[in-house]
């Protein structure tokens, strides 16, 4: 389903940047992707991002790798859907949860630029699957005045270029309640009900490889 694919890709990209390059771990920002701005927050292994779903309105994604589950919120309907990562999936694909053994991440310094008034070091990034040798490359910009936070990420996959930027970054501003379901929300039976459409399963987690840094 196109909607599910779009949500999965967005969550995957955000998690890739957050866990490949994990410092700092607590901040709020405005995420810019495909010309659209949306609130974003991170606190350790918890990530919150908002998405404009057009006619379906705003959806909020909360990824809780600390308790191995995803939560989707529909503020207009005051409903949520929670997807707990299955033990069987964790065993069949442990790289989703502990990917250090399967994936290698390298970055190479290629220059320095100023992004959104922040001085940045620019790197090429390569993620390698140690089992298959498959590689995924991209470019990142780390803001030196924001504790080397990645504030821009660019990659090309299947001839499609994706750029994500984080603006209005404020360190140490994410609070615990941002990553919890509001008490007045009702639980939906599935994603399709949450969206007002009817029976789509939730989405699973992502990878968290470590980076090995080199400099040209």
N, C-alpha and C. Protein backbone atom coordinates (compact mmCIF):
# COMPACT_ATOMS: atom_id res chain seq x y z
N UNK A 1 0.85 -1.19 0.00
CA UNK A 1 0.00 0.00 0.00
C UNK A 1 0.89 1.24 0.00
N UNK A 2 0.57 2.23 -0.85
CA UNK A 2 1.39 3.42 -1.03
C UNK A 2 1.54 4.20 0.26
N UNK A 3 0.45 4.34 1.03
CA UNK A 3 0.51 5.10 2.27
C UNK A 3 1.47 4.46 3.25
N UNK A 4 1.35 3.14 3.41
CA UNK A 4 2.22 2.42 4.34
C UNK A 4 3.67 2.54 3.90
N UNK A 5 3.94 2.43 2.58
CA UNK A 5 5.30 2.53 2.08
C UNK A 5 5.89 3.89 2.40
N UNK A 6 5.08 4.94 2.18
CA UNK A 6 5.56 6.29 2.43
C UNK A 6 5.92 6.50 3.88
N UNK A 7 5.08 6.03 4.80
CA UNK A 7 5.35 6.16 6.22
C UNK A 7 6.59 5.37 6.61
N UNK A 8 6.73 4.16 6.05
CA UNK A 8 7.88 3.32 6.37
C UNK A 8 9.17 3.96 5.92
N UNK A 9 9.20 4.51 4.71
CA UNK A 9 10.40 5.16 4.20
C UNK A 9 10.78 6.35 5.06
N UNK A 10 9.78 7.16 5.42
CA UNK A 10 10.06 8.33 6.26
C UNK A 10 10.66 7.92 7.59
N UNK A 11 10.03 6.97 8.25
CA UNK A 11 10.52 6.51 9.55
C UNK A 11 11.92 5.91 9.41
N UNK A 12 12.15 5.13 8.35
CA UNK A 12 13.46 4.50 8.14
C UNK A 12 14.56 5.54 7.97
N UNK A 13 14.30 6.58 7.18
CA UNK A 13 15.30 7.61 6.95
C UNK A 13 15.63 8.36 8.24
N UNK A 14 14.60 8.71 8.98
CA UNK A 14 14.80 9.44 10.23
C UNK A 14 15.59 8.60 11.22
N UNK A 15 15.24 7.32 11.35
CA UNK A 15 15.95 6.45 12.28
C UNK A 15 17.38 6.22 11.86
N UNK A 16 17.60 6.12 10.55
CA UNK A 16 18.96 5.90 10.05
C UNK A 16 19.88 7.02 10.49
N UNK A 17 19.43 8.26 10.30
CA UNK A 17 20.25 9.40 10.70
C UNK A 17 20.42 9.45 12.21
N UNK A 18 19.33 9.23 12.94
CA UNK A 18 19.37 9.35 14.39
C UNK A 18 20.30 8.33 15.03
N UNK A 19 20.29 7.08 14.54
CA UNK A 19 21.03 6.03 15.21
C UNK A 19 22.40 5.76 14.61
N UNK A 20 22.62 6.16 13.36
CA UNK A 20 23.97 6.05 12.81
C UNK A 20 24.90 7.08 13.45
N UNK A 21 24.33 8.26 13.75
CA UNK A 21 25.11 9.35 14.30
C UNK A 21 24.36 9.90 15.49
N UNK A 22 24.54 9.29 16.66
CA UNK A 22 23.61 9.44 17.77
C UNK A 22 23.73 10.68 18.66
N UNK A 23 24.72 11.52 18.50
CA UNK A 23 24.87 12.67 19.40
C UNK A 23 24.46 13.97 18.71
N UNK A 24 23.83 14.90 19.46
CA UNK A 24 23.29 14.77 20.80
C UNK A 24 21.99 13.95 20.78
N UNK A 25 21.49 13.59 21.95
CA UNK A 25 20.35 12.68 22.00
C UNK A 25 19.06 13.33 22.47
N UNK A 26 19.08 14.60 22.84
CA UNK A 26 17.84 15.24 23.27
C UNK A 26 17.73 16.61 22.60
N UNK A 27 16.71 16.75 21.75
CA UNK A 27 16.50 18.04 21.08
C UNK A 27 15.14 18.04 20.39
N UNK A 28 14.68 19.24 20.06
CA UNK A 28 13.50 19.41 19.21
C UNK A 28 13.93 20.21 17.99
N UNK A 29 13.18 20.08 16.90
CA UNK A 29 13.55 20.76 15.68
C UNK A 29 12.35 20.80 14.72
N UNK A 30 12.54 21.49 13.62
CA UNK A 30 11.59 21.45 12.51
C UNK A 30 12.23 20.62 11.40
N UNK A 31 11.61 19.51 11.05
CA UNK A 31 12.14 18.66 9.99
C UNK A 31 11.55 19.09 8.65
N UNK A 32 12.42 19.25 7.65
CA UNK A 32 11.98 19.66 6.32
C UNK A 32 12.28 18.53 5.35
N UNK A 33 11.22 18.02 4.71
CA UNK A 33 11.37 16.93 3.75
C UNK A 33 10.37 17.13 2.62
N UNK A 34 10.85 17.07 1.39
CA UNK A 34 10.02 17.27 0.21
C UNK A 34 9.26 18.60 0.26
N UNK A 35 9.94 19.62 0.79
CA UNK A 35 9.35 20.94 0.85
C UNK A 35 8.35 21.16 1.96
N UNK A 36 8.12 20.15 2.79
CA UNK A 36 7.17 20.26 3.88
C UNK A 36 7.87 20.31 5.23
N UNK A 37 7.40 21.18 6.10
CA UNK A 37 7.96 21.32 7.43
C UNK A 37 7.08 20.62 8.45
N UNK A 38 7.71 19.96 9.43
CA UNK A 38 6.95 19.28 10.48
C UNK A 38 7.77 19.23 11.76
N UNK A 39 7.11 19.27 12.93
CA UNK A 39 7.82 19.19 14.20
C UNK A 39 8.49 17.83 14.37
N UNK A 40 9.62 17.83 15.05
CA UNK A 40 10.42 16.63 15.27
C UNK A 40 11.04 16.71 16.66
N UNK A 41 11.12 15.57 17.34
CA UNK A 41 11.74 15.54 18.66
C UNK A 41 12.44 14.22 18.88
N UNK A 42 13.52 14.28 19.65
CA UNK A 42 14.24 13.05 20.01
C UNK A 42 14.69 13.11 21.45
N UNK A 43 14.56 11.98 22.14
CA UNK A 43 15.07 11.84 23.50
C UNK A 43 15.63 10.43 23.63
N UNK A 44 16.94 10.30 23.48
CA UNK A 44 17.57 8.98 23.55
C UNK A 44 17.07 8.07 22.45
N UNK A 45 16.45 6.93 22.84
CA UNK A 45 15.94 5.96 21.88
C UNK A 45 14.48 6.20 21.51
N UNK A 46 14.00 7.41 21.78
CA UNK A 46 12.62 7.76 21.45
C UNK A 46 12.62 8.88 20.42
N UNK A 47 11.83 8.70 19.35
CA UNK A 47 11.76 9.70 18.28
C UNK A 47 10.30 9.99 17.94
N UNK A 48 9.99 11.26 17.80
CA UNK A 48 8.64 11.69 17.44
C UNK A 48 8.73 12.57 16.20
N UNK A 49 7.91 12.26 15.20
CA UNK A 49 7.84 13.08 14.00
C UNK A 49 6.40 13.20 13.55
N UNK A 50 6.06 14.32 12.95
CA UNK A 50 4.71 14.56 12.47
C UNK A 50 4.70 14.58 10.94
N UNK A 51 3.59 14.10 10.37
CA UNK A 51 3.47 13.99 8.92
C UNK A 51 2.14 14.55 8.45
N UNK A 52 2.18 15.33 7.37
CA UNK A 52 0.97 15.82 6.75
C UNK A 52 0.49 14.78 5.75
N UNK A 53 -0.67 14.16 6.03
CA UNK A 53 -1.20 13.10 5.18
C UNK A 53 -2.29 13.61 4.24
N UNK A 54 -2.23 14.90 3.92
CA UNK A 54 -3.19 15.45 2.97
C UNK A 54 -4.60 15.48 3.52
N UNK A 55 -5.52 14.84 2.80
CA UNK A 55 -6.92 14.85 3.21
C UNK A 55 -7.14 14.14 4.54
N UNK A 56 -6.24 13.24 4.91
CA UNK A 56 -6.38 12.52 6.17
C UNK A 56 -5.86 13.34 7.36
N UNK A 57 -5.25 14.49 7.06
CA UNK A 57 -4.79 15.36 8.13
C UNK A 57 -3.42 14.98 8.66
N UNK A 58 -3.14 15.43 9.87
CA UNK A 58 -1.82 15.22 10.49
C UNK A 58 -1.77 13.87 11.19
N UNK A 59 -0.65 13.17 11.02
CA UNK A 59 -0.38 11.94 11.75
C UNK A 59 0.93 12.12 12.51
N UNK A 60 1.00 11.54 13.69
CA UNK A 60 2.21 11.62 14.50
C UNK A 60 2.79 10.22 14.69
N UNK A 61 4.06 10.07 14.39
CA UNK A 61 4.75 8.80 14.58
C UNK A 61 5.67 8.89 15.79
N UNK A 62 5.54 7.93 16.70
CA UNK A 62 6.44 7.84 17.85
C UNK A 62 7.12 6.47 17.78
N UNK A 63 8.43 6.48 17.65
CA UNK A 63 9.20 5.24 17.61
C UNK A 63 9.90 5.07 18.94
N UNK A 64 9.61 3.96 19.62
CA UNK A 64 10.17 3.69 20.95
C UNK A 64 11.05 2.45 20.86
N UNK A 65 12.30 2.62 20.46
CA UNK A 65 13.19 1.46 20.41
C UNK A 65 13.55 0.98 21.81
N UNK A 66 13.34 1.83 22.83
CA UNK A 66 13.63 1.41 24.19
C UNK A 66 12.67 0.32 24.67
N UNK A 67 11.44 0.33 24.16
CA UNK A 67 10.46 -0.70 24.53
C UNK A 67 9.99 -1.48 23.30
N UNK A 68 10.68 -1.29 22.18
CA UNK A 68 10.45 -2.04 20.95
C UNK A 68 9.00 -1.96 20.46
N UNK A 69 8.58 -0.73 20.18
CA UNK A 69 7.25 -0.55 19.60
C UNK A 69 7.17 0.77 18.87
N UNK A 70 6.22 0.85 17.94
CA UNK A 70 5.89 2.08 17.23
C UNK A 70 4.48 2.50 17.64
N UNK A 71 4.24 3.79 17.69
CA UNK A 71 2.92 4.31 17.99
C UNK A 71 2.56 5.34 16.94
N UNK A 72 1.36 5.23 16.38
CA UNK A 72 0.86 6.23 15.45
C UNK A 72 -0.33 6.93 16.09
N UNK A 73 -0.32 8.26 16.05
CA UNK A 73 -1.39 9.06 16.63
C UNK A 73 -2.14 9.81 15.54
N UNK A 74 -3.47 9.87 15.67
CA UNK A 74 -4.29 10.70 14.81
C UNK A 74 -4.94 11.77 15.69
N UNK A 75 -4.35 12.97 15.74
CA UNK A 75 -4.88 14.01 16.64
C UNK A 75 -6.31 14.41 16.34
N UNK A 76 -6.71 14.42 15.07
CA UNK A 76 -8.07 14.83 14.71
C UNK A 76 -9.11 13.86 15.27
N UNK A 77 -8.80 12.57 15.24
CA UNK A 77 -9.72 11.55 15.75
C UNK A 77 -9.47 11.21 17.21
N UNK A 78 -8.35 11.72 17.77
CA UNK A 78 -7.93 11.38 19.12
C UNK A 78 -7.87 9.86 19.29
N UNK A 79 -7.18 9.23 18.33
CA UNK A 79 -7.00 7.78 18.33
C UNK A 79 -5.53 7.46 18.14
N UNK A 80 -5.15 6.24 18.52
CA UNK A 80 -3.77 5.80 18.30
C UNK A 80 -3.76 4.32 17.95
N UNK A 81 -2.68 3.90 17.29
CA UNK A 81 -2.47 2.48 17.02
C UNK A 81 -1.05 2.15 17.44
N UNK A 82 -0.91 1.08 18.19
CA UNK A 82 0.39 0.68 18.75
C UNK A 82 0.83 -0.63 18.13
N UNK A 83 2.04 -0.67 17.62
CA UNK A 83 2.58 -1.88 17.02
C UNK A 83 3.79 -2.35 17.83
N UNK A 84 3.62 -3.43 18.58
CA UNK A 84 4.72 -3.99 19.37
C UNK A 84 5.53 -4.91 18.47
N UNK A 85 6.84 -4.75 18.46
CA UNK A 85 7.70 -5.57 17.61
C UNK A 85 7.64 -7.01 18.06
N UNK A 86 7.34 -7.90 17.14
CA UNK A 86 7.15 -9.31 17.46
C UNK A 86 8.47 -10.02 17.74
N UNK A 87 8.46 -10.91 18.74
CA UNK A 87 9.66 -11.68 19.09
C UNK A 87 10.14 -12.50 17.91
N UNK A 88 9.21 -13.05 17.13
CA UNK A 88 9.58 -13.86 15.97
C UNK A 88 10.33 -13.03 14.94
N UNK A 89 9.90 -11.77 14.75
CA UNK A 89 10.58 -10.88 13.82
C UNK A 89 11.95 -10.50 14.33
N UNK A 90 12.06 -10.31 15.63
CA UNK A 90 13.34 -9.95 16.21
C UNK A 90 14.36 -11.06 16.02
N UNK A 91 13.88 -12.33 16.12
CA UNK A 91 14.79 -13.46 15.96
C UNK A 91 15.15 -13.68 14.50
N UNK A 92 14.18 -13.47 13.59
CA UNK A 92 14.43 -13.71 12.17
C UNK A 92 15.28 -12.61 11.55
N UNK A 93 15.19 -11.41 12.09
CA UNK A 93 15.97 -10.30 11.57
C UNK A 93 16.49 -9.45 12.72
N UNK A 94 17.46 -9.96 13.48
CA UNK A 94 17.96 -9.21 14.64
C UNK A 94 18.61 -7.90 14.26
N UNK A 95 18.99 -7.74 12.97
CA UNK A 95 19.63 -6.50 12.56
C UNK A 95 18.72 -5.30 12.74
N UNK A 96 17.40 -5.53 12.75
CA UNK A 96 16.47 -4.43 12.95
C UNK A 96 16.67 -3.80 14.32
N UNK A 97 17.08 -4.62 15.29
CA UNK A 97 17.15 -4.15 16.67
C UNK A 97 18.58 -3.96 17.15
N UNK A 98 19.47 -4.83 16.75
CA UNK A 98 20.88 -4.71 17.14
C UNK A 98 21.70 -4.91 15.89
N UNK A 99 21.86 -3.86 15.11
CA UNK A 99 22.42 -4.00 13.76
C UNK A 99 23.92 -3.80 13.68
N UNK A 100 24.57 -3.57 14.82
CA UNK A 100 26.00 -3.32 14.78
C UNK A 100 26.78 -4.46 14.13
N UNK A 101 26.32 -5.71 14.35
CA UNK A 101 27.05 -6.87 13.83
C UNK A 101 26.85 -7.05 12.34
N UNK A 102 25.75 -6.54 11.80
CA UNK A 102 25.41 -6.77 10.40
C UNK A 102 25.77 -5.62 9.48
N UNK A 103 25.74 -4.40 10.00
CA UNK A 103 25.97 -3.23 9.18
C UNK A 103 27.18 -2.44 9.66
N UNK A 104 27.92 -1.93 8.71
CA UNK A 104 29.06 -1.07 9.00
C UNK A 104 28.79 0.30 8.39
N UNK A 105 29.00 1.34 9.17
CA UNK A 105 28.78 2.70 8.70
C UNK A 105 30.10 3.46 8.72
N UNK A 106 30.48 4.02 7.58
CA UNK A 106 31.70 4.82 7.47
C UNK A 106 31.35 6.21 6.97
N UNK A 107 32.08 7.20 7.44
CA UNK A 107 31.91 8.54 6.91
C UNK A 107 33.28 9.16 6.65
N UNK A 108 33.37 9.94 5.56
CA UNK A 108 34.62 10.56 5.14
C UNK A 108 34.39 12.05 4.96
N UNK A 109 35.21 12.85 5.60
CA UNK A 109 35.08 14.30 5.50
C UNK A 109 35.41 14.77 4.09
N UNK A 110 34.52 15.60 3.53
CA UNK A 110 34.74 16.10 2.16
C UNK A 110 34.72 17.62 2.08
N UNK A 111 34.46 18.29 3.20
CA UNK A 111 34.48 19.75 3.16
C UNK A 111 33.77 20.37 4.34
N UNK A 112 33.57 21.67 4.23
CA UNK A 112 32.86 22.43 5.27
C UNK A 112 31.91 23.42 4.59
N UNK A 113 30.70 23.53 5.12
CA UNK A 113 29.70 24.44 4.58
C UNK A 113 28.89 25.04 5.72
N UNK A 114 28.18 26.11 5.42
CA UNK A 114 27.26 26.69 6.39
C UNK A 114 25.84 26.36 5.95
N UNK A 115 25.10 25.70 6.84
CA UNK A 115 23.72 25.31 6.56
C UNK A 115 22.80 26.00 7.57
N UNK A 116 21.87 26.80 7.08
CA UNK A 116 20.92 27.48 7.96
C UNK A 116 21.64 28.23 9.08
N UNK A 117 22.74 28.89 8.72
CA UNK A 117 23.57 29.71 9.62
C UNK A 117 24.41 28.89 10.60
N UNK A 118 24.44 27.57 10.44
CA UNK A 118 25.25 26.72 11.30
C UNK A 118 26.51 26.26 10.56
N UNK A 119 27.70 26.45 11.14
CA UNK A 119 28.92 25.91 10.51
C UNK A 119 28.89 24.39 10.56
N UNK A 120 29.12 23.76 9.42
CA UNK A 120 28.99 22.30 9.34
C UNK A 120 30.21 21.65 8.70
N UNK A 121 30.48 20.42 9.13
CA UNK A 121 31.42 19.56 8.44
C UNK A 121 30.61 18.63 7.55
N UNK A 122 31.01 18.53 6.30
CA UNK A 122 30.29 17.73 5.31
C UNK A 122 30.99 16.39 5.12
N UNK A 123 30.22 15.30 5.18
CA UNK A 123 30.77 13.95 5.04
C UNK A 123 29.99 13.16 3.98
N UNK A 124 30.69 12.26 3.32
CA UNK A 124 30.00 11.21 2.59
C UNK A 124 29.82 10.05 3.56
N UNK A 125 28.70 9.35 3.44
CA UNK A 125 28.37 8.25 4.35
C UNK A 125 28.11 6.99 3.53
N UNK A 126 28.65 5.89 4.00
CA UNK A 126 28.41 4.60 3.35
C UNK A 126 27.97 3.58 4.39
N UNK A 127 26.82 2.98 4.17
CA UNK A 127 26.33 1.91 5.03
C UNK A 127 26.50 0.60 4.26
N UNK A 128 27.25 -0.34 4.83
CA UNK A 128 27.54 -1.61 4.16
C UNK A 128 26.93 -2.77 4.91
N UNK A 129 26.18 -3.60 4.21
CA UNK A 129 25.66 -4.84 4.76
C UNK A 129 26.80 -5.86 4.72
N UNK A 130 27.29 -6.28 5.90
CA UNK A 130 28.45 -7.17 5.95
C UNK A 130 28.16 -8.54 5.37
N UNK A 131 26.88 -8.94 5.36
CA UNK A 131 26.54 -10.27 4.86
C UNK A 131 26.43 -10.30 3.34
N UNK A 132 25.86 -9.25 2.75
CA UNK A 132 25.62 -9.25 1.30
C UNK A 132 26.58 -8.35 0.53
N UNK A 133 27.25 -7.43 1.24
CA UNK A 133 28.12 -6.49 0.58
C UNK A 133 27.38 -5.31 -0.03
N UNK A 134 26.07 -5.29 0.10
CA UNK A 134 25.28 -4.20 -0.46
C UNK A 134 25.61 -2.89 0.26
N UNK A 135 25.73 -1.81 -0.53
CA UNK A 135 26.09 -0.52 0.03
C UNK A 135 25.03 0.53 -0.27
N UNK A 136 24.83 1.44 0.66
CA UNK A 136 23.97 2.59 0.48
C UNK A 136 24.76 3.83 0.85
N UNK A 137 24.84 4.80 -0.04
CA UNK A 137 25.65 5.98 0.20
C UNK A 137 24.78 7.23 0.32
N UNK A 138 25.32 8.22 0.99
CA UNK A 138 24.62 9.48 1.14
C UNK A 138 25.59 10.55 1.60
N UNK A 139 25.06 11.74 1.87
CA UNK A 139 25.87 12.86 2.34
C UNK A 139 25.20 13.44 3.58
N UNK A 140 26.01 13.78 4.58
CA UNK A 140 25.48 14.38 5.81
C UNK A 140 26.25 15.65 6.14
N UNK A 141 25.58 16.54 6.85
CA UNK A 141 26.19 17.77 7.33
C UNK A 141 26.04 17.82 8.84
N UNK A 142 27.16 17.87 9.58
CA UNK A 142 27.14 17.91 11.03
C UNK A 142 27.43 19.34 11.50
N UNK A 143 26.52 19.89 12.31
CA UNK A 143 26.67 21.26 12.81
C UNK A 143 27.62 21.28 14.01
N UNK A 144 28.75 21.96 13.86
CA UNK A 144 29.75 21.98 14.93
C UNK A 144 29.29 22.79 16.14
N UNK A 145 28.35 23.71 15.93
CA UNK A 145 27.84 24.51 17.06
C UNK A 145 26.64 23.86 17.73
N UNK A 146 26.27 22.67 17.27
CA UNK A 146 25.16 21.92 17.87
C UNK A 146 25.62 20.52 18.28
N UNK A 147 26.83 20.44 18.80
CA UNK A 147 27.40 19.18 19.27
C UNK A 147 27.46 18.13 18.15
N UNK A 148 27.76 18.60 16.94
CA UNK A 148 27.92 17.73 15.76
C UNK A 148 26.63 17.01 15.37
N UNK A 149 25.52 17.64 15.64
CA UNK A 149 24.23 17.09 15.23
C UNK A 149 24.11 17.12 13.71
N UNK A 150 23.61 16.03 13.12
CA UNK A 150 23.34 15.99 11.69
C UNK A 150 22.11 16.85 11.42
N UNK A 151 22.28 17.95 10.66
CA UNK A 151 21.14 18.82 10.37
C UNK A 151 20.73 18.76 8.89
N UNK A 152 21.46 17.98 8.10
CA UNK A 152 21.05 17.75 6.71
C UNK A 152 21.53 16.38 6.28
N UNK A 153 20.65 15.67 5.59
CA UNK A 153 20.94 14.32 5.12
C UNK A 153 20.43 14.20 3.70
N UNK A 154 21.27 13.70 2.81
CA UNK A 154 20.92 13.59 1.40
C UNK A 154 21.30 12.20 0.88
N UNK A 155 20.38 11.55 0.21
CA UNK A 155 20.68 10.24 -0.36
C UNK A 155 19.91 10.05 -1.66
N UNK A 156 20.41 9.15 -2.50
CA UNK A 156 19.73 8.79 -3.75
C UNK A 156 19.51 7.29 -3.74
N UNK A 157 18.26 6.86 -3.91
CA UNK A 157 17.91 5.46 -3.92
C UNK A 157 16.94 5.20 -5.06
N UNK A 158 17.26 4.20 -5.90
CA UNK A 158 16.43 3.90 -7.08
C UNK A 158 16.21 5.14 -7.93
N UNK A 159 17.28 5.91 -8.11
CA UNK A 159 17.27 7.12 -8.94
C UNK A 159 16.38 8.23 -8.39
N UNK A 160 16.02 8.14 -7.12
CA UNK A 160 15.24 9.17 -6.48
C UNK A 160 16.05 9.83 -5.37
N UNK A 161 16.17 11.14 -5.44
CA UNK A 161 16.95 11.88 -4.46
C UNK A 161 16.06 12.32 -3.31
N UNK A 162 16.52 12.08 -2.09
CA UNK A 162 15.79 12.48 -0.89
C UNK A 162 16.69 13.37 -0.04
N UNK A 163 16.15 14.51 0.38
CA UNK A 163 16.89 15.44 1.23
C UNK A 163 16.05 15.72 2.48
N UNK A 164 16.66 15.58 3.65
CA UNK A 164 16.00 15.92 4.91
C UNK A 164 16.87 16.95 5.63
N UNK A 165 16.23 18.00 6.12
CA UNK A 165 16.94 19.01 6.90
C UNK A 165 16.25 19.19 8.25
N UNK A 166 17.03 19.56 9.25
CA UNK A 166 16.50 19.87 10.58
C UNK A 166 16.84 21.33 10.89
N UNK A 167 15.80 22.14 11.09
CA UNK A 167 15.99 23.56 11.37
C UNK A 167 15.42 23.91 12.75
N UNK A 168 15.73 25.11 13.19
CA UNK A 168 15.23 25.59 14.50
C UNK A 168 15.55 24.59 15.62
N UNK A 169 16.74 24.05 15.59
CA UNK A 169 17.14 23.04 16.57
C UNK A 169 17.32 23.67 17.95
N UNK A 170 16.73 23.03 18.96
CA UNK A 170 16.88 23.46 20.34
C UNK A 170 17.29 22.25 21.17
N UNK A 171 18.49 22.28 21.69
CA UNK A 171 19.02 21.15 22.45
C UNK A 171 18.36 21.06 23.83
N UNK A 172 18.20 19.82 24.29
CA UNK A 172 17.69 19.52 25.64
C UNK A 172 16.30 20.10 25.90
N UNK A 173 15.45 20.02 24.89
CA UNK A 173 14.08 20.56 25.02
C UNK A 173 12.99 19.49 24.85
N UNK A 174 13.36 18.27 24.50
CA UNK A 174 12.36 17.20 24.36
C UNK A 174 11.95 16.71 25.74
N UNK A 175 10.65 16.55 25.97
CA UNK A 175 10.15 16.11 27.26
C UNK A 175 9.49 14.74 27.16
N UNK A 176 9.40 14.04 28.27
CA UNK A 176 8.91 12.66 28.28
C UNK A 176 7.51 12.53 27.70
N UNK A 177 6.64 13.50 27.96
CA UNK A 177 5.25 13.39 27.50
C UNK A 177 5.11 13.44 25.99
N UNK A 178 6.13 13.93 25.29
CA UNK A 178 6.08 13.96 23.82
C UNK A 178 6.05 12.56 23.22
N UNK A 179 6.48 11.56 23.99
CA UNK A 179 6.63 10.21 23.46
C UNK A 179 5.64 9.22 24.08
N UNK A 180 4.59 9.77 24.67
CA UNK A 180 3.54 8.96 25.27
C UNK A 180 2.20 9.24 24.60
N UNK A 181 1.28 8.29 24.70
CA UNK A 181 -0.06 8.47 24.16
C UNK A 181 -0.88 9.32 25.13
N UNK A 182 -1.51 10.41 24.67
CA UNK A 182 -2.36 11.20 25.57
C UNK A 182 -3.45 10.34 26.19
N UNK A 183 -3.76 10.59 27.43
CA UNK A 183 -4.71 9.75 28.16
C UNK A 183 -6.10 9.72 27.53
N UNK A 184 -6.48 10.78 26.83
CA UNK A 184 -7.83 10.84 26.26
C UNK A 184 -7.95 10.13 24.90
N UNK A 185 -6.84 9.60 24.37
CA UNK A 185 -6.88 8.93 23.06
C UNK A 185 -7.44 7.51 23.19
N UNK A 186 -8.19 7.09 22.18
CA UNK A 186 -8.76 5.74 22.12
C UNK A 186 -7.92 4.88 21.18
N UNK A 187 -7.73 3.62 21.54
CA UNK A 187 -6.91 2.73 20.73
C UNK A 187 -7.68 2.21 19.52
N UNK A 188 -7.08 2.32 18.33
CA UNK A 188 -7.68 1.79 17.10
C UNK A 188 -7.31 0.32 16.95
N UNK A 189 -8.11 -0.42 16.20
CA UNK A 189 -7.83 -1.85 15.98
C UNK A 189 -6.69 -2.06 14.99
N UNK A 190 -6.48 -1.12 14.08
CA UNK A 190 -5.43 -1.24 13.08
C UNK A 190 -5.16 0.13 12.47
N UNK A 191 -4.17 0.18 11.60
CA UNK A 191 -3.78 1.44 10.98
C UNK A 191 -4.86 2.03 10.09
N UNK A 192 -5.56 1.17 9.38
CA UNK A 192 -6.59 1.65 8.47
C UNK A 192 -7.73 2.32 9.23
N UNK A 193 -8.09 1.74 10.39
CA UNK A 193 -9.11 2.37 11.22
C UNK A 193 -8.60 3.71 11.74
N UNK A 194 -7.33 3.75 12.11
CA UNK A 194 -6.74 4.99 12.59
C UNK A 194 -6.85 6.09 11.54
N UNK A 195 -6.65 5.71 10.29
CA UNK A 195 -6.71 6.67 9.19
C UNK A 195 -8.12 6.85 8.64
N UNK A 196 -9.07 6.08 9.20
CA UNK A 196 -10.43 6.17 8.71
C UNK A 196 -10.64 5.43 7.41
N UNK A 197 -9.82 4.37 7.20
CA UNK A 197 -9.87 3.65 5.93
C UNK A 197 -10.19 2.16 6.10
N UNK A 198 -9.75 1.58 7.20
CA UNK A 198 -10.08 0.17 7.53
C UNK A 198 -9.09 -0.94 7.64
N UNK A 199 -8.04 -1.71 7.55
CA UNK A 199 -7.21 -2.81 7.99
C UNK A 199 -5.81 -2.97 7.54
N UNK A 200 -4.95 -2.05 7.94
CA UNK A 200 -3.55 -2.20 7.55
C UNK A 200 -2.71 -2.40 8.80
N UNK A 201 -1.83 -3.39 8.80
CA UNK A 201 -1.00 -3.62 9.97
C UNK A 201 0.01 -2.50 10.19
N UNK A 202 0.58 -2.44 11.36
CA UNK A 202 1.55 -1.40 11.67
C UNK A 202 2.91 -1.67 11.07
N UNK A 203 3.87 -0.86 11.46
CA UNK A 203 5.19 -0.95 10.88
C UNK A 203 6.22 -1.35 11.92
N UNK A 204 7.32 -1.86 11.46
CA UNK A 204 8.33 -2.38 12.38
C UNK A 204 9.46 -1.40 12.60
N UNK A 205 10.50 -1.86 13.28
CA UNK A 205 11.57 -0.97 13.69
C UNK A 205 12.62 -0.73 12.64
N UNK A 206 13.80 -0.24 13.09
CA UNK A 206 14.83 0.11 12.15
C UNK A 206 16.20 -0.29 12.68
N UNK A 207 17.18 0.09 11.93
CA UNK A 207 18.54 -0.32 12.22
C UNK A 207 19.28 0.77 12.96
N UNK A 208 20.28 0.37 13.75
CA UNK A 208 21.03 1.34 14.52
C UNK A 208 22.53 1.01 14.49
N UNK A 209 23.15 1.08 13.30
CA UNK A 209 24.57 0.79 13.22
C UNK A 209 25.44 1.90 13.79
N UNK A 210 26.67 1.56 14.14
CA UNK A 210 27.62 2.57 14.62
C UNK A 210 28.43 3.08 13.47
N UNK A 211 28.97 4.28 13.62
CA UNK A 211 29.77 4.89 12.55
C UNK A 211 31.24 4.77 12.86
N UNK A 212 32.03 4.44 11.81
CA UNK A 212 33.48 4.47 11.91
C UNK A 212 33.95 5.65 11.10
N UNK A 213 34.57 6.66 11.70
CA UNK A 213 34.88 7.89 11.05
C UNK A 213 36.32 7.91 10.55
N UNK A 214 36.48 8.36 9.31
CA UNK A 214 37.81 8.61 8.77
C UNK A 214 37.79 9.97 8.12
N UNK A 215 38.93 10.51 7.84
CA UNK A 215 39.03 11.84 7.23
C UNK A 215 40.01 11.80 6.11
N UNK A 216 39.59 12.42 5.00
CA UNK A 216 40.48 12.45 3.84
C UNK A 216 41.72 13.30 4.11
